[in-house]
């Protein structure tokens, strides 16, 4: 009886650990970084409109007029009416690997 209990306990622990590793492995796929690397024609843009919440924004003078971004949130970039509009969406939901949805 004692051997059966110990073997059942070991089997439960192994299956529980494998299930946890699989569960958190799939959750990490949703936490990837979004990257944007776009170049624009500087002659067609006269103004810049930024809508950001918690980002560090650096504006540098250079040979190209470009937007480079790497982060969890998505960007909406629109270059119409001689205005470059960059809007950061607040759609990042970080569950820290916890998801209580059984389906």
N, C-alpha and C. Protein backbone atom coordinates (compact mmCIF):
# COMPACT_ATOMS: atom_id res chain seq x y z
N UNK A 1 0.82 -1.19 0.00
CA UNK A 1 0.00 0.00 0.00
C UNK A 1 0.87 1.26 0.00
N UNK A 2 1.97 1.21 0.75
CA UNK A 2 2.86 2.36 0.83
C UNK A 2 3.53 2.61 -0.52
N UNK A 3 3.94 1.54 -1.22
CA UNK A 3 4.57 1.69 -2.53
C UNK A 3 3.59 2.26 -3.55
N UNK A 4 2.35 1.85 -3.48
CA UNK A 4 1.33 2.36 -4.38
C UNK A 4 1.09 3.85 -4.15
N UNK A 5 1.06 4.27 -2.90
CA UNK A 5 0.87 5.68 -2.57
C UNK A 5 2.05 6.52 -3.06
N UNK A 6 3.25 6.05 -2.84
CA UNK A 6 4.45 6.80 -3.25
C UNK A 6 4.52 6.88 -4.77
N UNK A 7 4.25 5.77 -5.46
CA UNK A 7 4.30 5.81 -6.93
C UNK A 7 3.18 6.71 -7.48
N UNK A 8 2.01 6.72 -6.88
CA UNK A 8 0.93 7.61 -7.31
C UNK A 8 1.28 9.07 -7.06
N UNK A 9 1.91 9.34 -5.92
CA UNK A 9 2.32 10.71 -5.60
C UNK A 9 3.38 11.20 -6.58
N UNK A 10 4.35 10.37 -6.89
CA UNK A 10 5.40 10.73 -7.85
C UNK A 10 4.80 10.97 -9.23
N UNK A 11 3.88 10.10 -9.65
CA UNK A 11 3.23 10.26 -10.95
C UNK A 11 2.42 11.56 -10.99
N UNK A 12 1.73 11.88 -9.90
CA UNK A 12 0.96 13.13 -9.83
C UNK A 12 1.88 14.34 -9.93
N UNK A 13 2.97 14.34 -9.20
CA UNK A 13 3.90 15.48 -9.21
C UNK A 13 4.52 15.67 -10.59
N UNK A 14 4.92 14.58 -11.23
CA UNK A 14 5.51 14.67 -12.57
C UNK A 14 4.49 15.22 -13.57
N UNK A 15 3.27 14.70 -13.54
CA UNK A 15 2.24 15.18 -14.47
C UNK A 15 1.87 16.64 -14.18
N UNK A 16 1.83 17.01 -12.90
CA UNK A 16 1.52 18.39 -12.54
C UNK A 16 2.60 19.34 -13.04
N UNK A 17 3.85 18.98 -12.89
CA UNK A 17 4.95 19.83 -13.36
C UNK A 17 4.96 19.94 -14.88
N UNK A 18 4.73 18.84 -15.58
CA UNK A 18 4.67 18.89 -17.04
C UNK A 18 3.49 19.74 -17.52
N UNK A 19 2.36 19.62 -16.84
CA UNK A 19 1.20 20.45 -17.19
C UNK A 19 1.47 21.92 -16.97
N UNK A 20 2.13 22.26 -15.86
CA UNK A 20 2.46 23.66 -15.58
C UNK A 20 3.43 24.22 -16.61
N UNK A 21 4.43 23.46 -16.97
CA UNK A 21 5.40 23.91 -17.97
C UNK A 21 4.73 24.14 -19.32
N UNK A 22 3.84 23.25 -19.71
CA UNK A 22 3.12 23.40 -20.97
C UNK A 22 2.20 24.62 -20.92
N UNK A 23 1.48 24.78 -19.82
CA UNK A 23 0.54 25.89 -19.66
C UNK A 23 1.27 27.23 -19.76
N UNK A 24 2.34 27.40 -19.01
CA UNK A 24 3.06 28.67 -19.02
C UNK A 24 3.83 28.87 -20.32
N UNK A 25 4.20 27.79 -20.99
CA UNK A 25 4.86 27.91 -22.29
C UNK A 25 3.93 28.51 -23.33
N UNK A 26 2.66 28.11 -23.34
CA UNK A 26 1.71 28.69 -24.27
C UNK A 26 1.37 30.12 -23.91
N UNK A 27 1.37 30.45 -22.64
CA UNK A 27 1.08 31.83 -22.23
C UNK A 27 2.21 32.77 -22.64
N UNK A 28 3.44 32.30 -22.69
CA UNK A 28 4.56 33.16 -23.07
C UNK A 28 4.47 33.57 -24.53
N UNK A 29 3.77 32.80 -25.36
CA UNK A 29 3.63 33.16 -26.77
C UNK A 29 2.83 34.44 -26.92
N UNK A 30 1.92 34.72 -25.99
CA UNK A 30 1.10 35.93 -26.08
C UNK A 30 1.83 37.17 -25.60
N UNK A 31 2.95 37.03 -24.93
CA UNK A 31 3.68 38.16 -24.37
C UNK A 31 4.86 38.59 -25.23
N UNK A 32 4.79 38.35 -26.53
CA UNK A 32 5.88 38.74 -27.41
C UNK A 32 5.87 40.25 -27.64
N UNK A 33 7.01 40.78 -28.00
CA UNK A 33 7.13 42.21 -28.26
C UNK A 33 6.71 42.53 -29.69
N UNK A 34 6.01 43.63 -29.84
CA UNK A 34 5.67 44.14 -31.16
C UNK A 34 6.79 45.05 -31.63
N UNK A 35 7.17 44.91 -32.88
CA UNK A 35 8.24 45.74 -33.44
C UNK A 35 7.72 46.49 -34.66
N UNK A 36 8.09 47.76 -34.75
CA UNK A 36 7.73 48.59 -35.90
C UNK A 36 9.01 49.26 -36.38
N UNK A 37 9.25 49.21 -37.67
CA UNK A 37 10.42 49.85 -38.27
C UNK A 37 9.98 50.37 -39.64
N UNK A 38 9.49 51.62 -39.68
CA UNK A 38 8.97 52.19 -40.93
C UNK A 38 9.73 53.47 -41.27
N UNK A 39 9.91 53.67 -42.57
CA UNK A 39 10.57 54.87 -43.07
C UNK A 39 9.56 55.66 -43.91
N UNK A 40 9.58 56.98 -43.76
CA UNK A 40 8.64 57.85 -44.46
C UNK A 40 9.40 58.89 -45.27
N UNK A 41 8.71 59.49 -46.24
CA UNK A 41 9.27 60.58 -47.03
C UNK A 41 9.11 61.88 -46.24
N UNK A 42 10.21 62.49 -45.88
CA UNK A 42 10.16 63.69 -45.03
C UNK A 42 9.55 64.90 -45.74
N UNK A 43 9.50 64.88 -47.07
CA UNK A 43 8.92 66.00 -47.81
C UNK A 43 7.40 66.01 -47.73
N UNK A 44 6.80 64.85 -47.43
CA UNK A 44 5.35 64.75 -47.40
C UNK A 44 4.77 64.96 -46.00
N UNK A 45 5.60 65.16 -45.00
CA UNK A 45 5.12 65.29 -43.62
C UNK A 45 5.54 66.64 -43.06
N UNK A 46 4.55 67.40 -42.59
CA UNK A 46 4.81 68.72 -42.02
C UNK A 46 4.64 68.76 -40.51
N UNK A 47 3.86 67.84 -39.95
CA UNK A 47 3.63 67.86 -38.50
C UNK A 47 3.65 66.45 -37.95
N UNK A 48 3.84 66.38 -36.65
CA UNK A 48 3.94 65.10 -35.95
C UNK A 48 2.98 65.12 -34.78
N UNK A 49 2.14 64.08 -34.68
CA UNK A 49 1.17 63.97 -33.59
C UNK A 49 1.44 62.66 -32.86
N UNK A 50 1.75 62.75 -31.56
CA UNK A 50 2.06 61.57 -30.75
C UNK A 50 1.00 61.40 -29.67
N UNK A 51 0.53 60.17 -29.49
CA UNK A 51 -0.40 59.85 -28.42
C UNK A 51 0.14 58.61 -27.72
N UNK A 52 0.78 58.83 -26.59
CA UNK A 52 1.45 57.75 -25.86
C UNK A 52 1.17 57.90 -24.38
N UNK A 53 1.22 56.77 -23.66
CA UNK A 53 0.91 56.82 -22.24
C UNK A 53 2.15 56.70 -21.37
N UNK A 54 2.92 55.66 -21.54
CA UNK A 54 4.08 55.43 -20.68
C UNK A 54 5.31 55.06 -21.49
N UNK A 55 5.54 55.74 -22.58
CA UNK A 55 6.67 55.40 -23.44
C UNK A 55 7.76 56.46 -23.33
N UNK A 56 8.97 56.00 -23.53
CA UNK A 56 10.10 56.91 -23.63
C UNK A 56 10.29 57.22 -25.11
N UNK A 57 10.13 58.48 -25.47
CA UNK A 57 10.17 58.88 -26.87
C UNK A 57 11.43 59.70 -27.12
N UNK A 58 12.20 59.28 -28.11
CA UNK A 58 13.41 60.00 -28.52
C UNK A 58 13.22 60.48 -29.95
N UNK A 59 13.42 61.77 -30.17
CA UNK A 59 13.36 62.34 -31.51
C UNK A 59 14.76 62.79 -31.87
N UNK A 60 15.29 62.21 -32.96
CA UNK A 60 16.67 62.50 -33.37
C UNK A 60 16.68 63.00 -34.80
N UNK A 61 17.59 63.89 -35.08
CA UNK A 61 17.79 64.36 -36.44
C UNK A 61 18.70 63.35 -37.15
N UNK A 62 18.32 63.01 -38.37
CA UNK A 62 19.12 62.04 -39.11
C UNK A 62 18.88 62.15 -40.60
N UNK A 63 19.43 61.21 -41.34
CA UNK A 63 19.30 61.21 -42.80
C UNK A 63 17.93 60.71 -43.24
N UNK A 64 17.30 59.86 -42.44
CA UNK A 64 16.01 59.30 -42.78
C UNK A 64 14.95 59.77 -41.79
N UNK A 65 13.71 59.78 -42.27
CA UNK A 65 12.57 60.07 -41.40
C UNK A 65 11.94 58.72 -41.10
N UNK A 66 12.19 58.17 -39.91
CA UNK A 66 11.79 56.81 -39.61
C UNK A 66 11.19 56.71 -38.22
N UNK A 67 10.39 55.66 -38.03
CA UNK A 67 9.80 55.33 -36.73
C UNK A 67 10.29 53.94 -36.37
N UNK A 68 10.92 53.83 -35.20
CA UNK A 68 11.39 52.53 -34.69
C UNK A 68 10.78 52.32 -33.32
N UNK A 69 10.15 51.16 -33.13
CA UNK A 69 9.46 50.88 -31.87
C UNK A 69 9.60 49.40 -31.55
N UNK A 70 9.74 49.11 -30.27
CA UNK A 70 9.73 47.75 -29.77
C UNK A 70 9.09 47.77 -28.39
N UNK A 71 7.97 47.06 -28.25
CA UNK A 71 7.27 47.05 -26.98
C UNK A 71 6.08 46.12 -27.02
N UNK A 72 5.37 46.04 -25.90
CA UNK A 72 4.23 45.14 -25.81
C UNK A 72 2.97 45.69 -26.44
N UNK A 73 2.85 47.01 -26.52
CA UNK A 73 1.64 47.61 -27.06
C UNK A 73 1.76 47.78 -28.57
N UNK A 74 0.62 47.87 -29.23
CA UNK A 74 0.61 48.05 -30.67
C UNK A 74 0.53 49.53 -31.01
N UNK A 75 1.10 49.88 -32.15
CA UNK A 75 1.07 51.26 -32.62
C UNK A 75 0.17 51.38 -33.84
N UNK A 76 -0.59 52.47 -33.90
CA UNK A 76 -1.30 52.85 -35.11
C UNK A 76 -0.53 54.02 -35.72
N UNK A 77 -0.01 53.82 -36.91
CA UNK A 77 0.77 54.86 -37.59
C UNK A 77 0.03 55.26 -38.85
N UNK A 78 -0.27 56.55 -38.96
CA UNK A 78 -1.01 57.07 -40.10
C UNK A 78 -0.27 58.29 -40.64
N UNK A 79 -0.03 58.32 -41.93
CA UNK A 79 0.69 59.45 -42.53
C UNK A 79 -0.17 60.12 -43.60
N UNK A 80 -1.35 60.58 -43.20
CA UNK A 80 -2.24 61.25 -44.14
C UNK A 80 -2.33 62.74 -43.81
N UNK A 81 -2.73 63.53 -44.79
CA UNK A 81 -2.91 64.98 -44.66
C UNK A 81 -1.64 65.68 -44.18
N UNK A 82 -0.50 65.25 -44.66
CA UNK A 82 0.81 65.83 -44.31
C UNK A 82 1.08 65.81 -42.81
N UNK A 83 0.50 64.83 -42.11
CA UNK A 83 0.71 64.69 -40.67
C UNK A 83 1.01 63.23 -40.36
N UNK A 84 2.06 63.02 -39.60
CA UNK A 84 2.39 61.68 -39.14
C UNK A 84 1.79 61.51 -37.75
N UNK A 85 0.84 60.61 -37.64
CA UNK A 85 0.14 60.38 -36.38
C UNK A 85 0.56 59.01 -35.84
N UNK A 86 1.09 59.00 -34.63
CA UNK A 86 1.52 57.77 -33.97
C UNK A 86 0.71 57.63 -32.69
N UNK A 87 -0.09 56.58 -32.62
CA UNK A 87 -0.96 56.36 -31.46
C UNK A 87 -0.65 54.99 -30.87
N UNK A 88 -0.43 54.98 -29.57
CA UNK A 88 -0.13 53.74 -28.86
C UNK A 88 -1.43 53.18 -28.29
N UNK A 89 -1.76 51.96 -28.69
CA UNK A 89 -2.97 51.32 -28.18
C UNK A 89 -2.73 50.79 -26.78
N UNK A 90 -3.74 50.88 -25.95
CA UNK A 90 -3.61 50.37 -24.58
C UNK A 90 -4.23 48.99 -24.50
N UNK A 91 -3.76 48.07 -25.34
CA UNK A 91 -4.35 46.74 -25.39
C UNK A 91 -3.45 45.68 -24.79
N UNK A 92 -2.44 46.08 -24.07
CA UNK A 92 -1.56 45.06 -23.50
C UNK A 92 -2.15 44.55 -22.20
N UNK A 93 -2.45 43.28 -22.16
CA UNK A 93 -2.94 42.64 -20.96
C UNK A 93 -1.90 41.61 -20.55
N UNK A 94 -1.27 41.86 -19.46
CA UNK A 94 -0.25 40.94 -18.97
C UNK A 94 -0.82 40.19 -17.79
N UNK A 95 -1.06 38.91 -17.99
CA UNK A 95 -1.63 38.09 -16.92
C UNK A 95 -0.55 37.39 -16.10
N UNK A 96 0.70 37.69 -16.37
CA UNK A 96 1.83 37.09 -15.67
C UNK A 96 1.78 35.56 -15.74
N UNK A 97 1.31 35.05 -16.87
CA UNK A 97 1.27 33.61 -17.06
C UNK A 97 0.10 32.93 -16.41
N UNK A 98 -0.83 33.68 -15.81
CA UNK A 98 -1.98 33.07 -15.16
C UNK A 98 -3.20 33.24 -16.05
N UNK A 99 -3.87 32.15 -16.30
CA UNK A 99 -5.10 32.17 -17.07
C UNK A 99 -6.02 31.14 -16.45
N UNK A 100 -7.10 31.59 -15.88
CA UNK A 100 -8.00 30.69 -15.18
C UNK A 100 -9.14 30.20 -16.06
N UNK A 101 -9.05 30.43 -17.36
CA UNK A 101 -10.06 29.95 -18.29
C UNK A 101 -9.76 28.49 -18.61
N UNK A 102 -10.65 27.56 -18.25
CA UNK A 102 -10.35 26.13 -18.48
C UNK A 102 -10.54 25.70 -19.92
N UNK A 103 -11.08 26.57 -20.77
CA UNK A 103 -11.35 26.17 -22.15
C UNK A 103 -10.28 26.71 -23.07
